Amino acid sequence: MTAKAYQAYNQNHTAVQTPEKLIEMLYEGLLRFASLAKRAIEEGDAEAKAKWINKSSDIFIELISSLSNDGTDMTAYLSGLYMHQIKTLNRANIKNSTNELDSIIHVVKVLLETWKEETTVEYEMA
């Protein structure tokens, strides 16, 4: 498949997803990219490490921008949590720390699990 065809497929695929599913996909992407960054550190591949850490940071930035500006405690909490994860990614990058990445992976797993539970409950109640 050519790069353009693949890109078009991805754009069409994400365009038909619900906002809830897109958030789930972002969390899953974070898990994948943080794991790849960890592997790159273990293999001593600085270029790959930077690539995957940057992609992870981009997802956290996207998650921050997707938050509503409703002023709720949950919005403030998630914004702060995502910012903290970006800082942790930066430390992982500077220190070549797989421990920092393990911390991020743990947090994102909890977020993903909670997100899936909450969206399932919302659909069951609807």
Protein backbone atom coordinates (compact mmCIF):
# COMPACT_ATOMS: atom_id res chain seq x y z
CA MET A 1 0.00 0.00 0.00
CA THR A 2 1.43 3.38 -0.89
CA ALA A 3 2.01 6.00 1.76
CA LYS A 4 -0.76 8.24 0.37
CA ALA A 5 -3.26 5.39 0.29
CA TYR A 6 -2.38 4.41 3.85
CA GLN A 7 -2.72 8.01 5.02
CA ALA A 8 -6.11 8.33 3.32
CA TYR A 9 -7.24 5.08 4.93
CA ASN A 10 -6.17 6.30 8.37
CA GLN A 11 -7.93 9.64 7.90
CA ASN A 12 -11.15 7.94 6.81
CA HIS A 13 -10.88 5.35 9.56
CA THR A 14 -10.52 7.94 12.33
CA ALA A 15 -13.13 10.23 10.79
CA VAL A 16 -15.88 7.68 11.42
CA GLN A 17 -14.90 7.00 15.04
CA THR A 18 -16.81 8.40 17.99
CA PRO A 19 -15.01 10.92 20.21
CA GLU A 20 -14.95 8.26 22.94
CA LYS A 21 -13.25 5.79 20.62
CA LEU A 22 -10.71 8.40 19.51
CA ILE A 23 -9.67 9.03 23.13
CA GLU A 24 -9.30 5.28 23.60
CA MET A 25 -7.13 5.13 20.47
CA LEU A 26 -4.94 7.96 21.80
CA TYR A 27 -4.38 6.09 25.05
CA GLU A 28 -3.55 2.93 23.12
CA GLY A 29 -1.12 4.91 20.96
CA LEU A 30 0.55 6.23 24.10
CA LEU A 31 1.04 2.71 25.39
CA ARG A 32 2.55 1.62 22.10
CA PHE A 33 4.84 4.64 21.67
CA ALA A 34 6.05 4.67 25.29
CA SER A 35 6.85 0.95 25.02
CA LEU A 36 8.76 1.57 21.79
CA ALA A 37 10.69 4.42 23.46
CA LYS A 38 11.56 2.09 26.33
CA ARG A 39 12.82 -0.54 23.90
CA ALA A 40 14.86 2.09 22.06
CA ILE A 41 16.53 3.11 25.34
CA GLU A 42 17.30 -0.53 26.12
CA GLU A 43 18.82 -0.94 22.65
CA GLY A 44 20.75 2.33 22.83
CA ASP A 45 18.94 3.79 19.82
CA ALA A 46 18.84 7.53 20.58
CA GLU A 47 17.11 8.43 17.30
CA ALA A 48 14.24 5.99 17.84
CA LYS A 49 13.97 7.01 21.50
CA ALA A 50 13.52 10.65 20.51
CA LYS A 51 10.99 9.74 17.82
CA TRP A 52 8.77 7.72 20.16
CA ILE A 53 9.04 10.15 23.06
CA ASN A 54 8.08 13.01 20.73
CA LYS A 55 5.09 11.05 19.44
CA SER A 56 4.03 10.34 23.01
CA SER A 57 4.34 14.02 23.93
CA ASP A 58 2.26 14.94 20.88
CA ILE A 59 -0.52 12.64 22.05
CA PHE A 60 -0.53 14.15 25.54
CA ILE A 61 -0.72 17.61 23.96
CA GLU A 62 -3.65 16.44 21.83
CA LEU A 63 -5.36 15.06 24.94
CA ILE A 64 -4.88 18.40 26.71
CA SER A 65 -6.35 20.29 23.76
CA SER A 66 -9.34 17.92 23.66
CA LEU A 67 -10.35 18.78 27.22
CA SER A 68 -13.37 21.00 27.57
CA ASN A 69 -12.93 24.37 29.23
CA ASP A 70 -15.77 23.70 31.65
CA GLY A 71 -13.73 24.52 34.75
CA THR A 72 -14.53 21.23 36.48
CA ASP A 73 -12.16 19.53 38.89
CA MET A 74 -11.85 16.57 36.50
CA THR A 75 -10.71 18.79 33.64
CA ALA A 76 -8.14 20.50 35.86
CA TYR A 77 -6.96 17.13 37.19
CA LEU A 78 -6.53 15.60 33.74
CA SER A 79 -4.78 18.68 32.40
CA GLY A 80 -2.32 18.58 35.28
CA LEU A 81 -1.84 14.83 34.95
CA TYR A 82 -1.13 15.08 31.22
CA MET A 83 1.33 17.95 31.79
CA HIS A 84 3.09 15.89 34.44
CA GLN A 85 3.39 12.99 31.99
CA ILE A 86 4.99 15.30 29.42
CA LYS A 87 7.53 16.37 32.05
CA THR A 88 8.15 12.72 32.88
CA LEU A 89 8.73 11.99 29.19
CA ASN A 90 11.28 14.79 29.10
CA ARG A 91 13.08 13.31 32.12
CA ALA A 92 13.02 9.87 30.50
CA ASN A 93 14.57 11.38 27.39
CA ILE A 94 17.29 13.27 29.26
CA LYS A 95 18.15 10.45 31.69
CA ASN A 96 17.55 7.52 29.31
CA SER A 97 15.26 6.25 32.05
CA THR A 98 13.12 3.20 31.41
CA ASN A 99 11.75 3.64 34.96
CA GLU A 100 10.20 6.97 33.94
CA LEU A 101 8.61 5.29 30.93
CA ASP A 102 7.33 2.43 33.11
CA SER A 103 5.63 5.05 35.27
CA ILE A 104 3.95 6.61 32.23
CA ILE A 105 2.87 3.22 30.92
CA HIS A 106 1.30 2.40 34.29
CA VAL A 107 -0.59 5.71 34.43
CA VAL A 108 -1.87 5.34 30.86
CA LYS A 109 -2.99 1.75 31.49
CA VAL A 110 -5.06 2.98 34.44
CA LEU A 111 -6.47 5.84 32.34
CA LEU A 112 -7.38 3.48 29.50
CA GLU A 113 -9.01 0.95 31.81
CA THR A 114 -11.00 3.68 33.57
CA TRP A 115 -11.98 5.26 30.24
CA LYS A 116 -13.25 1.94 28.90
CA GLU A 117 -15.26 1.31 32.07
CA GLU A 118 -16.80 4.79 32.05
CA THR A 119 -17.75 4.74 28.37
CA THR A 120 -19.24 1.25 28.76
CA VAL A 121 -21.37 2.45 31.68
CA GLU A 122 -22.49 5.52 29.71
CA TYR A 123 -23.61 3.39 26.75
CA GLU A 124 -25.42 0.93 29.01
CA MET A 125 -27.29 3.79 30.69
CA ALA A 126 -28.26 5.43 27.39
